[in-house]
Amino acid sequence: MRIIGTIPHPRFKIVAYSTDHHFYIEIEAGPMKQCHKLHKEQVQNLEGIRKWLDEDFQKETYELFERMYQSSQGSLNRNFTP
């Protein structure tokens, strides 16, 4: 797996990797990370990945990060707060 590029974003750190058959996209926000695999038959290059990261997907990704963070904090509070 090799890095093919980063995609600038005001809220996320986005890094795209390439394998033989897939692109692997890591999206980070604070302590949370989402990873997605896109088959190279669907998306051919970094520009295609940028297109895949459309406004609706970015909005849903942010909402999912919020839910992930709340879930993580809830577990910490339940299990590690006296």
N, C-alpha and C. Protein backbone atom coordinates (compact mmCIF):
# COMPACT_ATOMS: atom_id res chain seq x y z
N MET A 1 0.86 -1.16 0.00
CA MET A 1 0.00 0.00 0.00
C MET A 1 0.91 1.23 0.00
N ARG A 2 0.55 2.19 -0.86
CA ARG A 2 1.35 3.42 -0.92
C ARG A 2 0.43 4.63 -0.92
N ILE A 3 0.90 5.71 -0.36
CA ILE A 3 0.13 6.96 -0.34
C ILE A 3 0.12 7.55 -1.74
N ILE A 4 -1.08 7.91 -2.22
CA ILE A 4 -1.16 8.58 -3.52
C ILE A 4 -1.45 10.07 -3.37
N GLY A 5 -1.88 10.47 -2.16
CA GLY A 5 -2.09 11.89 -1.95
C GLY A 5 -2.94 12.19 -0.75
N THR A 6 -2.96 13.47 -0.41
CA THR A 6 -3.84 13.96 0.64
C THR A 6 -4.83 14.91 -0.01
N ILE A 7 -5.99 15.02 0.62
CA ILE A 7 -7.03 15.90 0.11
C ILE A 7 -7.31 16.94 1.19
N PRO A 8 -7.02 18.21 0.90
CA PRO A 8 -7.24 19.26 1.90
C PRO A 8 -8.72 19.36 2.28
N HIS A 9 -8.95 19.57 3.57
CA HIS A 9 -10.31 19.73 4.07
C HIS A 9 -10.23 20.51 5.38
N PRO A 10 -11.18 21.42 5.63
CA PRO A 10 -11.10 22.23 6.86
C PRO A 10 -11.38 21.45 8.14
N ARG A 11 -12.13 20.35 8.09
CA ARG A 11 -12.48 19.59 9.29
C ARG A 11 -11.74 18.27 9.42
N PHE A 12 -11.35 17.67 8.31
CA PHE A 12 -10.81 16.32 8.31
C PHE A 12 -9.38 16.29 7.79
N LYS A 13 -8.67 15.25 8.19
CA LYS A 13 -7.42 14.89 7.54
C LYS A 13 -7.77 13.72 6.63
N ILE A 14 -7.53 13.86 5.34
CA ILE A 14 -7.90 12.81 4.38
C ILE A 14 -6.64 12.37 3.65
N VAL A 15 -6.36 11.06 3.73
CA VAL A 15 -5.20 10.48 3.05
C VAL A 15 -5.70 9.33 2.19
N ALA A 16 -5.26 9.30 0.94
CA ALA A 16 -5.64 8.23 0.01
C ALA A 16 -4.43 7.34 -0.25
N TYR A 17 -4.67 6.04 -0.20
CA TYR A 17 -3.65 5.03 -0.46
C TYR A 17 -4.09 4.19 -1.65
N SER A 18 -3.13 3.55 -2.27
CA SER A 18 -3.43 2.67 -3.39
C SER A 18 -2.89 1.27 -3.09
N THR A 19 -3.71 0.26 -3.39
CA THR A 19 -3.27 -1.14 -3.37
C THR A 19 -3.47 -1.68 -4.79
N ASP A 20 -3.25 -2.95 -5.00
CA ASP A 20 -3.40 -3.51 -6.35
C ASP A 20 -4.81 -3.33 -6.91
N HIS A 21 -5.83 -3.51 -6.07
CA HIS A 21 -7.20 -3.52 -6.57
C HIS A 21 -8.09 -2.44 -5.98
N HIS A 22 -7.62 -1.75 -4.94
CA HIS A 22 -8.48 -0.79 -4.24
C HIS A 22 -7.73 0.51 -3.94
N PHE A 23 -8.54 1.54 -3.72
CA PHE A 23 -8.06 2.73 -3.06
C PHE A 23 -8.57 2.65 -1.63
N TYR A 24 -7.73 3.00 -0.71
CA TYR A 24 -8.04 2.96 0.72
C TYR A 24 -7.99 4.41 1.20
N ILE A 25 -9.10 4.91 1.70
CA ILE A 25 -9.18 6.30 2.10
C ILE A 25 -9.38 6.40 3.60
N GLU A 26 -8.47 7.10 4.28
CA GLU A 26 -8.58 7.35 5.72
C GLU A 26 -9.05 8.77 5.93
N ILE A 27 -10.09 8.91 6.74
CA ILE A 27 -10.62 10.23 7.08
C ILE A 27 -10.55 10.35 8.60
N GLU A 28 -9.83 11.35 9.09
CA GLU A 28 -9.64 11.53 10.53
C GLU A 28 -10.23 12.85 10.99
N ALA A 29 -10.80 12.83 12.19
CA ALA A 29 -11.27 14.04 12.86
C ALA A 29 -11.02 13.83 14.34
N GLY A 30 -10.08 14.58 14.90
CA GLY A 30 -9.75 14.40 16.32
C GLY A 30 -9.30 12.97 16.58
N PRO A 31 -9.87 12.32 17.61
CA PRO A 31 -9.44 10.96 17.94
C PRO A 31 -10.15 9.88 17.13
N MET A 32 -11.01 10.26 16.19
CA MET A 32 -11.80 9.29 15.43
C MET A 32 -11.22 9.14 14.02
N LYS A 33 -11.36 7.93 13.46
CA LYS A 33 -10.90 7.65 12.11
C LYS A 33 -11.92 6.76 11.41
N GLN A 34 -12.21 7.09 10.17
CA GLN A 34 -13.03 6.24 9.32
C GLN A 34 -12.16 5.80 8.14
N CYS A 35 -12.32 4.57 7.73
CA CYS A 35 -11.57 4.04 6.59
C CYS A 35 -12.55 3.46 5.58
N HIS A 36 -12.29 3.73 4.33
CA HIS A 36 -13.16 3.25 3.25
C HIS A 36 -12.28 2.62 2.16
N LYS A 37 -12.79 1.56 1.55
CA LYS A 37 -12.12 0.94 0.41
C LYS A 37 -13.00 1.13 -0.81
N LEU A 38 -12.40 1.65 -1.87
CA LEU A 38 -13.09 1.80 -3.14
C LEU A 38 -12.38 0.96 -4.18
N HIS A 39 -13.14 0.15 -4.88
CA HIS A 39 -12.53 -0.69 -5.92
C HIS A 39 -12.09 0.18 -7.09
N LYS A 40 -10.95 -0.14 -7.66
CA LYS A 40 -10.40 0.66 -8.75
C LYS A 40 -11.25 0.59 -10.02
N GLU A 41 -12.16 -0.38 -10.11
CA GLU A 41 -13.07 -0.40 -11.25
C GLU A 41 -14.12 0.69 -11.12
N GLN A 42 -14.39 1.14 -9.89
CA GLN A 42 -15.39 2.19 -9.66
C GLN A 42 -14.77 3.58 -9.73
N VAL A 43 -13.60 3.74 -9.15
CA VAL A 43 -12.91 5.03 -9.06
C VAL A 43 -11.50 4.80 -9.57
N GLN A 44 -11.08 5.59 -10.57
CA GLN A 44 -9.80 5.30 -11.22
C GLN A 44 -8.59 6.05 -10.67
N ASN A 45 -8.82 7.19 -9.97
CA ASN A 45 -7.67 8.00 -9.58
C ASN A 45 -8.03 8.94 -8.43
N LEU A 46 -7.08 9.79 -8.04
CA LEU A 46 -7.29 10.71 -6.93
C LEU A 46 -8.42 11.70 -7.24
N GLU A 47 -8.54 12.11 -8.48
CA GLU A 47 -9.63 13.01 -8.85
C GLU A 47 -10.99 12.32 -8.66
N GLY A 48 -11.06 11.04 -8.96
CA GLY A 48 -12.29 10.29 -8.72
C GLY A 48 -12.62 10.20 -7.24
N ILE A 49 -11.59 10.05 -6.41
CA ILE A 49 -11.80 10.02 -4.96
C ILE A 49 -12.34 11.36 -4.49
N ARG A 50 -11.80 12.45 -5.02
CA ARG A 50 -12.31 13.79 -4.67
C ARG A 50 -13.79 13.92 -5.04
N LYS A 51 -14.16 13.41 -6.19
CA LYS A 51 -15.56 13.45 -6.62
C LYS A 51 -16.44 12.62 -5.69
N TRP A 52 -15.94 11.45 -5.27
CA TRP A 52 -16.66 10.57 -4.35
C TRP A 52 -16.91 11.27 -3.02
N LEU A 53 -15.99 12.13 -2.61
CA LEU A 53 -16.12 12.89 -1.36
C LEU A 53 -17.01 14.12 -1.57
N ASP A 54 -18.19 13.91 -2.09
CA ASP A 54 -19.08 15.04 -2.37
C ASP A 54 -19.63 15.65 -1.08
N GLU A 55 -20.36 16.74 -1.23
CA GLU A 55 -20.85 17.50 -0.07
C GLU A 55 -21.74 16.65 0.84
N ASP A 56 -22.64 15.86 0.26
CA ASP A 56 -23.51 15.00 1.07
C ASP A 56 -22.71 13.98 1.87
N PHE A 57 -21.73 13.36 1.22
CA PHE A 57 -20.89 12.37 1.91
C PHE A 57 -20.12 13.03 3.06
N GLN A 58 -19.58 14.22 2.82
CA GLN A 58 -18.84 14.92 3.86
C GLN A 58 -19.74 15.25 5.05
N LYS A 59 -20.95 15.68 4.79
CA LYS A 59 -21.89 16.01 5.86
C LYS A 59 -22.22 14.75 6.67
N GLU A 60 -22.49 13.65 5.99
CA GLU A 60 -22.80 12.39 6.67
C GLU A 60 -21.59 11.87 7.44
N THR A 61 -20.40 12.06 6.90
CA THR A 61 -19.17 11.65 7.57
C THR A 61 -19.00 12.42 8.87
N TYR A 62 -19.24 13.73 8.83
CA TYR A 62 -19.13 14.55 10.05
C TYR A 62 -20.14 14.09 11.10
N GLU A 63 -21.37 13.84 10.67
CA GLU A 63 -22.41 13.37 11.60
C GLU A 63 -22.02 12.03 12.22
N LEU A 64 -21.44 11.15 11.42
CA LEU A 64 -21.00 9.85 11.95
C LEU A 64 -19.86 10.03 12.94
N PHE A 65 -18.92 10.94 12.65
CA PHE A 65 -17.86 11.23 13.62
C PHE A 65 -18.45 11.72 14.94
N GLU A 66 -19.45 12.57 14.87
CA GLU A 66 -20.09 13.06 16.09
C GLU A 66 -20.69 11.90 16.89
N ARG A 67 -21.38 10.98 16.22
CA ARG A 67 -21.96 9.82 16.91
C ARG A 67 -20.88 8.91 17.47
N MET A 68 -19.80 8.71 16.71
CA MET A 68 -18.69 7.89 17.20
C MET A 68 -18.09 8.50 18.46
N TYR A 69 -17.88 9.81 18.45
CA TYR A 69 -17.29 10.49 19.60
C TYR A 69 -18.21 10.38 20.82
N GLN A 70 -19.50 10.62 20.63
CA GLN A 70 -20.45 10.52 21.73
C GLN A 70 -20.48 9.10 22.30
N SER A 71 -20.42 8.11 21.43
CA SER A 71 -20.42 6.72 21.88
C SER A 71 -19.15 6.42 22.70
N SER A 72 -18.01 6.88 22.20
CA SER A 72 -16.75 6.66 22.89
C SER A 72 -16.75 7.34 24.26
N GLN A 73 -17.18 8.59 24.29
CA GLN A 73 -17.23 9.33 25.55
C GLN A 73 -18.22 8.68 26.52
N GLY A 74 -19.35 8.22 26.02
CA GLY A 74 -20.33 7.54 26.87
C GLY A 74 -19.73 6.31 27.53
N SER A 75 -18.99 5.53 26.77
CA SER A 75 -18.36 4.33 27.33
C SER A 75 -17.30 4.70 28.37
N LEU A 76 -16.50 5.74 28.07
CA LEU A 76 -15.51 6.19 29.05
C LEU A 76 -16.20 6.62 30.34
N ASN A 77 -17.26 7.39 30.22
CA ASN A 77 -17.98 7.87 31.40
C ASN A 77 -18.60 6.72 32.19
N ARG A 78 -19.16 5.74 31.51
CA ARG A 78 -19.79 4.61 32.20
C ARG A 78 -18.77 3.71 32.91
N ASN A 79 -17.63 3.56 32.27
CA ASN A 79 -16.69 2.53 32.73
C ASN A 79 -15.46 3.05 33.47
N PHE A 80 -15.17 4.34 33.35
CA PHE A 80 -13.93 4.83 33.96
C PHE A 80 -14.11 6.09 34.79
N THR A 81 -15.33 6.53 35.02
CA THR A 81 -15.57 7.70 35.84
C THR A 81 -16.19 7.23 37.15
N PRO A 82 -15.57 7.61 38.26
CA PRO A 82 -16.10 7.16 39.56
C PRO A 82 -17.46 7.77 39.88
